[in-house]
């Protein structure tokens, strides 16, 4: 804002271990989405370090960061980001093209991911023919197809009704129990407290970081 610096995040520090199921929660403007973008290598911090598998992302070039994102991280967004001209199977196959996989292998991986999210019977449908919950499950399948170590989900239930939102959260828990780390960014207290751990960000700083007793191991 002119000569004024706006600090979206201010001196936060935390670690996410493999296999965790956690939420980053906070009100609009708190810095939680910026935090997710840093973890996902979509943005670079102006100071400090982000380490993924022990490697500093600040020391990576654009191509190395792209390979890291494609091979390590799966993204799920509130607005799905499905291509309207492609059917469900084609949308899920799309990121696999950048991994250099042959067409047959891309189809097999996409079909397997769609089966995991319960959409095997919708593979030929286009996004306009799906419900909100089905669109979100397609987006989750697209993230799963690349066999990521971690899934980052930004307000994944924000555009869904409460019952569909709960079903999506149940799916994330199943994915986590199969071994994938899941990080959910949300402003919704109910969603935030349905994970095993909740980091609450307020005004760019960590207000609390707690294991949730109901779900803690």
C-alpha atoms as a PDB file:
ATOM      1  CA  UNK A   1       0.000   0.000   0.000  1.00  0.00           C
ATOM      2  CA  UNK A   2       2.257   2.792  -1.265  1.00  0.00           C
ATOM      3  CA  UNK A   3       5.212   3.015   1.083  1.00  0.00           C
ATOM      4  CA  UNK A   4       3.555   0.905   3.775  1.00  0.00           C
ATOM      5  CA  UNK A   5       4.625  -2.735   4.163  1.00  0.00           C
ATOM      6  CA  UNK A   6       1.908  -5.257   4.966  1.00  0.00           C
ATOM      7  CA  UNK A   7       3.214  -8.314   6.797  1.00  0.00           C
ATOM      8  CA  UNK A   8       0.870 -11.213   6.068  1.00  0.00           C
ATOM      9  CA  UNK A   9       2.873 -13.506   8.364  1.00  0.00           C
ATOM     10  CA  UNK A  10       5.135 -12.376  11.179  1.00  0.00           C
ATOM     11  CA  UNK A  11       7.714 -14.750  12.594  1.00  0.00           C
ATOM     12  CA  UNK A  12       5.642 -17.929  12.615  1.00  0.00           C
ATOM     13  CA  UNK A  13       7.359 -21.301  12.976  1.00  0.00           C
ATOM     14  CA  UNK A  14       5.960 -24.835  13.079  1.00  0.00           C
ATOM     15  CA  UNK A  15       6.644 -28.315  11.751  1.00  0.00           C
ATOM     16  CA  UNK A  16       4.323 -30.787  10.064  1.00  0.00           C
ATOM     17  CA  UNK A  17       5.291 -34.431  10.406  1.00  0.00           C
ATOM     18  CA  UNK A  18       4.516 -37.023   7.781  1.00  0.00           C
ATOM     19  CA  UNK A  19       1.110 -38.596   8.337  1.00  0.00           C
ATOM     20  CA  UNK A  20      -0.415 -35.687  10.274  1.00  0.00           C
ATOM     21  CA  UNK A  21      -3.982 -34.491   9.793  1.00  0.00           C
ATOM     22  CA  UNK A  22      -4.108 -30.846  10.780  1.00  0.00           C
ATOM     23  CA  UNK A  23      -5.913 -27.609  10.137  1.00  0.00           C
ATOM     24  CA  UNK A  24      -4.675 -24.047   9.856  1.00  0.00           C
ATOM     25  CA  UNK A  25      -7.551 -21.940  11.076  1.00  0.00           C
ATOM     26  CA  UNK A  26      -8.216 -18.223  11.283  1.00  0.00           C
ATOM     27  CA  UNK A  27     -10.530 -15.437  10.170  1.00  0.00           C
ATOM     28  CA  UNK A  28     -10.355 -13.765   6.767  1.00  0.00           C
ATOM     29  CA  UNK A  29      -7.132 -11.767   6.454  1.00  0.00           C
ATOM     30  CA  UNK A  30      -5.340 -13.629   9.247  1.00  0.00           C
ATOM     31  CA  UNK A  31      -2.612 -14.961   6.936  1.00  0.00           C
ATOM     32  CA  UNK A  32      -3.672 -18.598   6.778  1.00  0.00           C
ATOM     33  CA  UNK A  33      -3.919 -18.790   2.960  1.00  0.00           C
ATOM     34  CA  UNK A  34      -0.553 -17.047   2.631  1.00  0.00           C
ATOM     35  CA  UNK A  35       0.813 -19.692   4.983  1.00  0.00           C
ATOM     36  CA  UNK A  36      -0.588 -22.441   2.761  1.00  0.00           C
ATOM     37  CA  UNK A  37       0.902 -20.809  -0.331  1.00  0.00           C
ATOM     38  CA  UNK A  38       4.309 -20.814   1.355  1.00  0.00           C
ATOM     39  CA  UNK A  39       4.022 -24.493   2.309  1.00  0.00           C
ATOM     40  CA  UNK A  40       2.884 -25.323  -1.227  1.00  0.00           C
ATOM     41  CA  UNK A  41       5.712 -23.358  -2.879  1.00  0.00           C
ATOM     42  CA  UNK A  42       3.234 -21.103  -4.662  1.00  0.00           C
ATOM     43  CA  UNK A  43       4.781 -18.050  -2.941  1.00  0.00           C
ATOM     44  CA  UNK A  44       8.233 -17.400  -1.548  1.00  0.00           C
ATOM     45  CA  UNK A  45       8.772 -15.816   1.877  1.00  0.00           C
ATOM     46  CA  UNK A  46      10.554 -12.469   2.010  1.00  0.00           C
ATOM     47  CA  UNK A  47      12.596 -13.846   4.916  1.00  0.00           C
ATOM     48  CA  UNK A  48      12.924 -17.126   6.757  1.00  0.00           C
ATOM     49  CA  UNK A  49      12.858 -20.627   5.291  1.00  0.00           C
ATOM     50  CA  UNK A  50      10.353 -23.258   4.237  1.00  0.00           C
ATOM     51  CA  UNK A  51      11.788 -26.781   4.354  1.00  0.00           C
ATOM     52  CA  UNK A  52      10.169 -29.739   2.617  1.00  0.00           C
ATOM     53  CA  UNK A  53      11.776 -33.121   3.242  1.00  0.00           C
ATOM     54  CA  UNK A  54      14.713 -31.223   4.720  1.00  0.00           C
ATOM     55  CA  UNK A  55      15.325 -29.087   1.630  1.00  0.00           C
ATOM     56  CA  UNK A  56      15.105 -25.290   1.674  1.00  0.00           C
ATOM     57  CA  UNK A  57      12.663 -24.193  -1.010  1.00  0.00           C
ATOM     58  CA  UNK A  58      14.225 -20.715  -1.063  1.00  0.00           C
ATOM     59  CA  UNK A  59      17.304 -22.258  -2.683  1.00  0.00           C
ATOM     60  CA  UNK A  60      15.350 -23.885  -5.504  1.00  0.00           C
ATOM     61  CA  UNK A  61      14.784 -22.482  -8.973  1.00  0.00           C
ATOM     62  CA  UNK A  62      11.389 -22.349 -10.678  1.00  0.00           C
ATOM     63  CA  UNK A  63      11.818 -25.699 -12.456  1.00  0.00           C
ATOM     64  CA  UNK A  64      12.902 -27.479  -9.283  1.00  0.00           C
ATOM     65  CA  UNK A  65       9.985 -25.956  -7.384  1.00  0.00           C
ATOM     66  CA  UNK A  66       7.586 -27.104 -10.126  1.00  0.00           C
ATOM     67  CA  UNK A  67       8.947 -30.662  -9.885  1.00  0.00           C
ATOM     68  CA  UNK A  68       8.618 -30.558  -6.099  1.00  0.00           C
ATOM     69  CA  UNK A  69       5.010 -29.382  -6.279  1.00  0.00           C
ATOM     70  CA  UNK A  70       4.090 -31.959  -8.912  1.00  0.00           C
ATOM     71  CA  UNK A  71       5.782 -34.862  -7.155  1.00  0.00           C
ATOM     72  CA  UNK A  72       5.177 -34.075  -3.495  1.00  0.00           C
ATOM     73  CA  UNK A  73       2.135 -31.839  -3.037  1.00  0.00           C
ATOM     74  CA  UNK A  74      -1.512 -32.193  -4.039  1.00  0.00           C
ATOM     75  CA  UNK A  75      -3.711 -29.089  -4.025  1.00  0.00           C
ATOM     76  CA  UNK A  76      -7.460 -28.902  -3.407  1.00  0.00           C
ATOM     77  CA  UNK A  77      -9.183 -25.520  -3.715  1.00  0.00           C
ATOM     78  CA  UNK A  78     -12.571 -24.164  -2.682  1.00  0.00           C
ATOM     79  CA  UNK A  79     -13.595 -23.394  -6.278  1.00  0.00           C
ATOM     80  CA  UNK A  80     -12.370 -26.763  -7.633  1.00  0.00           C
ATOM     81  CA  UNK A  81     -10.492 -25.343 -10.674  1.00  0.00           C
ATOM     82  CA  UNK A  82     -11.819 -28.038 -13.008  1.00  0.00           C
ATOM     83  CA  UNK A  83     -11.581 -27.407 -16.747  1.00  0.00           C
ATOM     84  CA  UNK A  84     -15.154 -27.208 -18.099  1.00  0.00           C
ATOM     85  CA  UNK A  85     -14.276 -28.608 -21.539  1.00  0.00           C
ATOM     86  CA  UNK A  86     -12.820 -31.814 -20.068  1.00  0.00           C
ATOM     87  CA  UNK A  87     -14.691 -34.705 -18.508  1.00  0.00           C
ATOM     88  CA  UNK A  88     -13.958 -35.999 -15.001  1.00  0.00           C
ATOM     89  CA  UNK A  89     -11.367 -38.548 -16.119  1.00  0.00           C
ATOM     90  CA  UNK A  90      -9.532 -36.014 -18.287  1.00  0.00           C
ATOM     91  CA  UNK A  91      -9.451 -33.469 -15.467  1.00  0.00           C
ATOM     92  CA  UNK A  92      -7.885 -36.004 -13.105  1.00  0.00           C
ATOM     93  CA  UNK A  93      -5.408 -37.139 -15.770  1.00  0.00           C
ATOM     94  CA  UNK A  94      -4.198 -33.621 -16.541  1.00  0.00           C
ATOM     95  CA  UNK A  95      -1.454 -33.169 -13.896  1.00  0.00           C
ATOM     96  CA  UNK A  96      -0.112 -36.642 -14.700  1.00  0.00           C
ATOM     97  CA  UNK A  97       0.844 -35.401 -18.160  1.00  0.00           C
ATOM     98  CA  UNK A  98       3.496 -33.201 -16.553  1.00  0.00           C
ATOM     99  CA  UNK A  99       5.010 -36.241 -14.847  1.00  0.00           C
ATOM    100  CA  UNK A 100       5.813 -37.685 -18.265  1.00  0.00           C
ATOM    101  CA  UNK A 101       3.584 -40.758 -17.875  1.00  0.00           C
ATOM    102  CA  UNK A 102       2.281 -42.666 -20.877  1.00  0.00           C
ATOM    103  CA  UNK A 103      -1.405 -42.273 -21.728  1.00  0.00           C
ATOM    104  CA  UNK A 104      -2.344 -45.746 -20.482  1.00  0.00           C
ATOM    105  CA  UNK A 105      -0.653 -45.208 -17.126  1.00  0.00           C
ATOM    106  CA  UNK A 106      -2.301 -41.792 -16.770  1.00  0.00           C
ATOM    107  CA  UNK A 107      -5.713 -43.367 -17.340  1.00  0.00           C
ATOM    108  CA  UNK A 108      -5.034 -46.177 -14.855  1.00  0.00           C
ATOM    109  CA  UNK A 109      -3.902 -43.792 -12.120  1.00  0.00           C
ATOM    110  CA  UNK A 110      -6.821 -41.435 -12.724  1.00  0.00           C
ATOM    111  CA  UNK A 111      -9.353 -44.271 -12.639  1.00  0.00           C
ATOM    112  CA  UNK A 112      -7.832 -45.621  -9.404  1.00  0.00           C
ATOM    113  CA  UNK A 113      -8.015 -42.178  -7.783  1.00  0.00           C
ATOM    114  CA  UNK A 114     -11.626 -41.710  -8.872  1.00  0.00           C
ATOM    115  CA  UNK A 115     -12.514 -45.105  -7.447  1.00  0.00           C
ATOM    116  CA  UNK A 116     -11.041 -44.036  -4.080  1.00  0.00           C
ATOM    117  CA  UNK A 117     -13.352 -41.007  -3.951  1.00  0.00           C
ATOM    118  CA  UNK A 118     -16.412 -42.929  -5.163  1.00  0.00           C
ATOM    119  CA  UNK A 119     -16.738 -41.416  -8.643  1.00  0.00           C
ATOM    120  CA  UNK A 120     -16.080 -44.397 -10.906  1.00  0.00           C
ATOM    121  CA  UNK A 121     -19.540 -43.963 -12.407  1.00  0.00           C
ATOM    122  CA  UNK A 122     -18.987 -40.299 -13.312  1.00  0.00           C
ATOM    123  CA  UNK A 123     -15.791 -40.431 -15.348  1.00  0.00           C
ATOM    124  CA  UNK A 124     -17.410 -39.286 -18.601  1.00  0.00           C
ATOM    125  CA  UNK A 125     -19.360 -36.421 -17.025  1.00  0.00           C
ATOM    126  CA  UNK A 126     -18.242 -32.826 -17.419  1.00  0.00           C
ATOM    127  CA  UNK A 127     -18.007 -30.518 -14.392  1.00  0.00           C
ATOM    128  CA  UNK A 128     -21.299 -28.799 -15.308  1.00  0.00           C
ATOM    129  CA  UNK A 129     -23.038 -32.165 -14.833  1.00  0.00           C
ATOM    130  CA  UNK A 130     -21.750 -32.670 -11.294  1.00  0.00           C
ATOM    131  CA  UNK A 131     -22.961 -31.527  -7.887  1.00  0.00           C
ATOM    132  CA  UNK A 132     -20.711 -29.386  -5.699  1.00  0.00           C
ATOM    133  CA  UNK A 133     -19.675 -32.410  -3.656  1.00  0.00           C
ATOM    134  CA  UNK A 134     -18.857 -34.400  -6.788  1.00  0.00           C
ATOM    135  CA  UNK A 135     -16.768 -31.524  -8.138  1.00  0.00           C
ATOM    136  CA  UNK A 136     -14.811 -31.384  -4.891  1.00  0.00           C
ATOM    137  CA  UNK A 137     -14.271 -35.144  -4.914  1.00  0.00           C
ATOM    138  CA  UNK A 138     -13.024 -34.850  -8.493  1.00  0.00           C
ATOM    139  CA  UNK A 139     -10.555 -32.199  -7.322  1.00  0.00           C
ATOM    140  CA  UNK A 140      -9.454 -34.484  -4.484  1.00  0.00           C
ATOM    141  CA  UNK A 141      -8.986 -37.361  -6.947  1.00  0.00           C
ATOM    142  CA  UNK A 142      -6.871 -35.089  -9.154  1.00  0.00           C
ATOM    143  CA  UNK A 143      -4.648 -34.351  -6.151  1.00  0.00           C
ATOM    144  CA  UNK A 144      -4.463 -38.046  -5.187  1.00  0.00           C
ATOM    145  CA  UNK A 145      -3.589 -39.259  -8.678  1.00  0.00           C
ATOM    146  CA  UNK A 146      -0.044 -37.888  -8.385  1.00  0.00           C
ATOM    147  CA  UNK A 147       0.620 -39.912  -5.186  1.00  0.00           C
ATOM    148  CA  UNK A 148       1.522 -36.831  -3.111  1.00  0.00           C
ATOM    149  CA  UNK A 149       3.130 -36.956   0.325  1.00  0.00           C
ATOM    150  CA  UNK A 150       0.920 -34.071   1.417  1.00  0.00           C
ATOM    151  CA  UNK A 151      -2.445 -32.641   0.378  1.00  0.00           C
ATOM    152  CA  UNK A 152      -3.070 -28.933   0.955  1.00  0.00           C
ATOM    153  CA  UNK A 153      -6.759 -28.044   0.934  1.00  0.00           C
ATOM    154  CA  UNK A 154      -7.791 -24.371   0.969  1.00  0.00           C
ATOM    155  CA  UNK A 155     -11.359 -23.946   2.301  1.00  0.00           C
ATOM    156  CA  UNK A 156     -12.364 -27.279   0.703  1.00  0.00           C
ATOM    157  CA  UNK A 157     -15.868 -27.211   2.201  1.00  0.00           C
ATOM    158  CA  UNK A 158     -16.528 -23.485   1.823  1.00  0.00           C
ATOM    159  CA  UNK A 159     -18.767 -23.839  -1.227  1.00  0.00           C
ATOM    160  CA  UNK A 160     -20.622 -26.911   0.085  1.00  0.00           C
ATOM    161  CA  UNK A 161     -23.648 -27.445   2.309  1.00  0.00           C
ATOM    162  CA  UNK A 162     -22.968 -28.792   5.800  1.00  0.00           C
ATOM    163  CA  UNK A 163     -23.768 -32.432   5.105  1.00  0.00           C
ATOM    164  CA  UNK A 164     -21.677 -32.550   1.901  1.00  0.00           C
ATOM    165  CA  UNK A 165     -18.899 -30.736   3.755  1.00  0.00           C
ATOM    166  CA  UNK A 166     -18.880 -33.429   6.438  1.00  0.00           C
ATOM    167  CA  UNK A 167     -18.692 -36.124   3.760  1.00  0.00           C
ATOM    168  CA  UNK A 168     -15.675 -34.382   2.208  1.00  0.00           C
ATOM    169  CA  UNK A 169     -13.984 -34.181   5.619  1.00  0.00           C
ATOM    170  CA  UNK A 170     -14.672 -37.887   6.156  1.00  0.00           C
ATOM    171  CA  UNK A 171     -12.956 -38.541   2.824  1.00  0.00           C
ATOM    172  CA  UNK A 172      -9.925 -36.507   3.902  1.00  0.00           C
ATOM    173  CA  UNK A 173      -9.691 -38.561   7.076  1.00  0.00           C
ATOM    174  CA  UNK A 174      -9.767 -41.807   5.064  1.00  0.00           C
ATOM    175  CA  UNK A 175      -7.006 -40.431   2.820  1.00  0.00           C
ATOM    176  CA  UNK A 176      -4.972 -39.480   5.888  1.00  0.00           C
ATOM    177  CA  UNK A 177      -5.438 -42.874   7.504  1.00  0.00           C
ATOM    178  CA  UNK A 178      -4.005 -44.411   4.321  1.00  0.00           C
ATOM    179  CA  UNK A 179      -0.779 -42.479   4.988  1.00  0.00           C
ATOM    180  CA  UNK A 180      -1.079 -39.104   3.252  1.00  0.00           C
ATOM    181  CA  UNK A 181      -0.421 -35.940   5.247  1.00  0.00           C
ATOM    182  CA  UNK A 182      -3.431 -33.607   5.044  1.00  0.00           C
ATOM    183  CA  UNK A 183      -3.365 -29.887   5.834  1.00  0.00           C
ATOM    184  CA  UNK A 184      -6.680 -28.034   5.683  1.00  0.00           C
ATOM    185  CA  UNK A 185      -6.928 -24.244   5.683  1.00  0.00           C
ATOM    186  CA  UNK A 186     -10.272 -23.000   6.978  1.00  0.00           C
ATOM    187  CA  UNK A 187     -12.085 -20.182   8.753  1.00  0.00           C
ATOM    188  CA  UNK A 188     -14.741 -22.689   9.934  1.00  0.00           C
ATOM    189  CA  UNK A 189     -14.274 -23.671  13.588  1.00  0.00           C
ATOM    190  CA  UNK A 190     -16.181 -26.920  13.123  1.00  0.00           C
ATOM    191  CA  UNK A 191     -13.959 -27.988  10.229  1.00  0.00           C
ATOM    192  CA  UNK A 192     -10.825 -26.873  12.027  1.00  0.00           C
ATOM    193  CA  UNK A 193     -11.662 -28.913  15.094  1.00  0.00           C
ATOM    194  CA  UNK A 194     -12.415 -32.084  13.130  1.00  0.00           C
ATOM    195  CA  UNK A 195      -8.690 -32.664  12.531  1.00  0.00           C
ATOM    196  CA  UNK A 196      -6.094 -34.107  14.910  1.00  0.00           C
ATOM    197  CA  UNK A 197      -4.251 -30.816  15.352  1.00  0.00           C
ATOM    198  CA  UNK A 198      -5.272 -27.199  14.879  1.00  0.00           C
ATOM    199  CA  UNK A 199      -2.960 -24.225  14.339  1.00  0.00           C
ATOM    200  CA  UNK A 200      -4.858 -20.976  14.894  1.00  0.00           C
ATOM    201  CA  UNK A 201      -3.403 -17.959  13.087  1.00  0.00           C
ATOM    202  CA  UNK A 202      -4.430 -14.443  14.050  1.00  0.00           C
ATOM    203  CA  UNK A 203      -2.995 -11.247  12.583  1.00  0.00           C
ATOM    204  CA  UNK A 204      -0.161 -13.141  10.936  1.00  0.00           C
ATOM    205  CA  UNK A 205       0.979 -14.919  14.095  1.00  0.00           C
ATOM    206  CA  UNK A 206       0.285 -18.280  15.690  1.00  0.00           C
ATOM    207  CA  UNK A 207      -2.261 -17.764  18.454  1.00  0.00           C
ATOM    208  CA  UNK A 208      -2.385 -21.455  19.399  1.00  0.00           C
ATOM    209  CA  UNK A 209      -1.158 -24.855  18.227  1.00  0.00           C
ATOM    210  CA  UNK A 210      -2.948 -27.723  19.898  1.00  0.00           C
ATOM    211  CA  UNK A 211      -3.658 -31.401  19.589  1.00  0.00           C
ATOM    212  CA  UNK A 212      -7.403 -31.924  19.714  1.00  0.00           C
ATOM    213  CA  UNK A 213      -8.284 -34.383  22.447  1.00  0.00           C
ATOM    214  CA  UNK A 214     -11.289 -35.899  20.703  1.00  0.00           C
ATOM    215  CA  UNK A 215      -9.111 -37.042  17.786  1.00  0.00           C
ATOM    216  CA  UNK A 216      -5.594 -37.088  19.248  1.00  0.00           C
ATOM    217  CA  UNK A 217      -3.814 -40.431  19.269  1.00  0.00           C
END
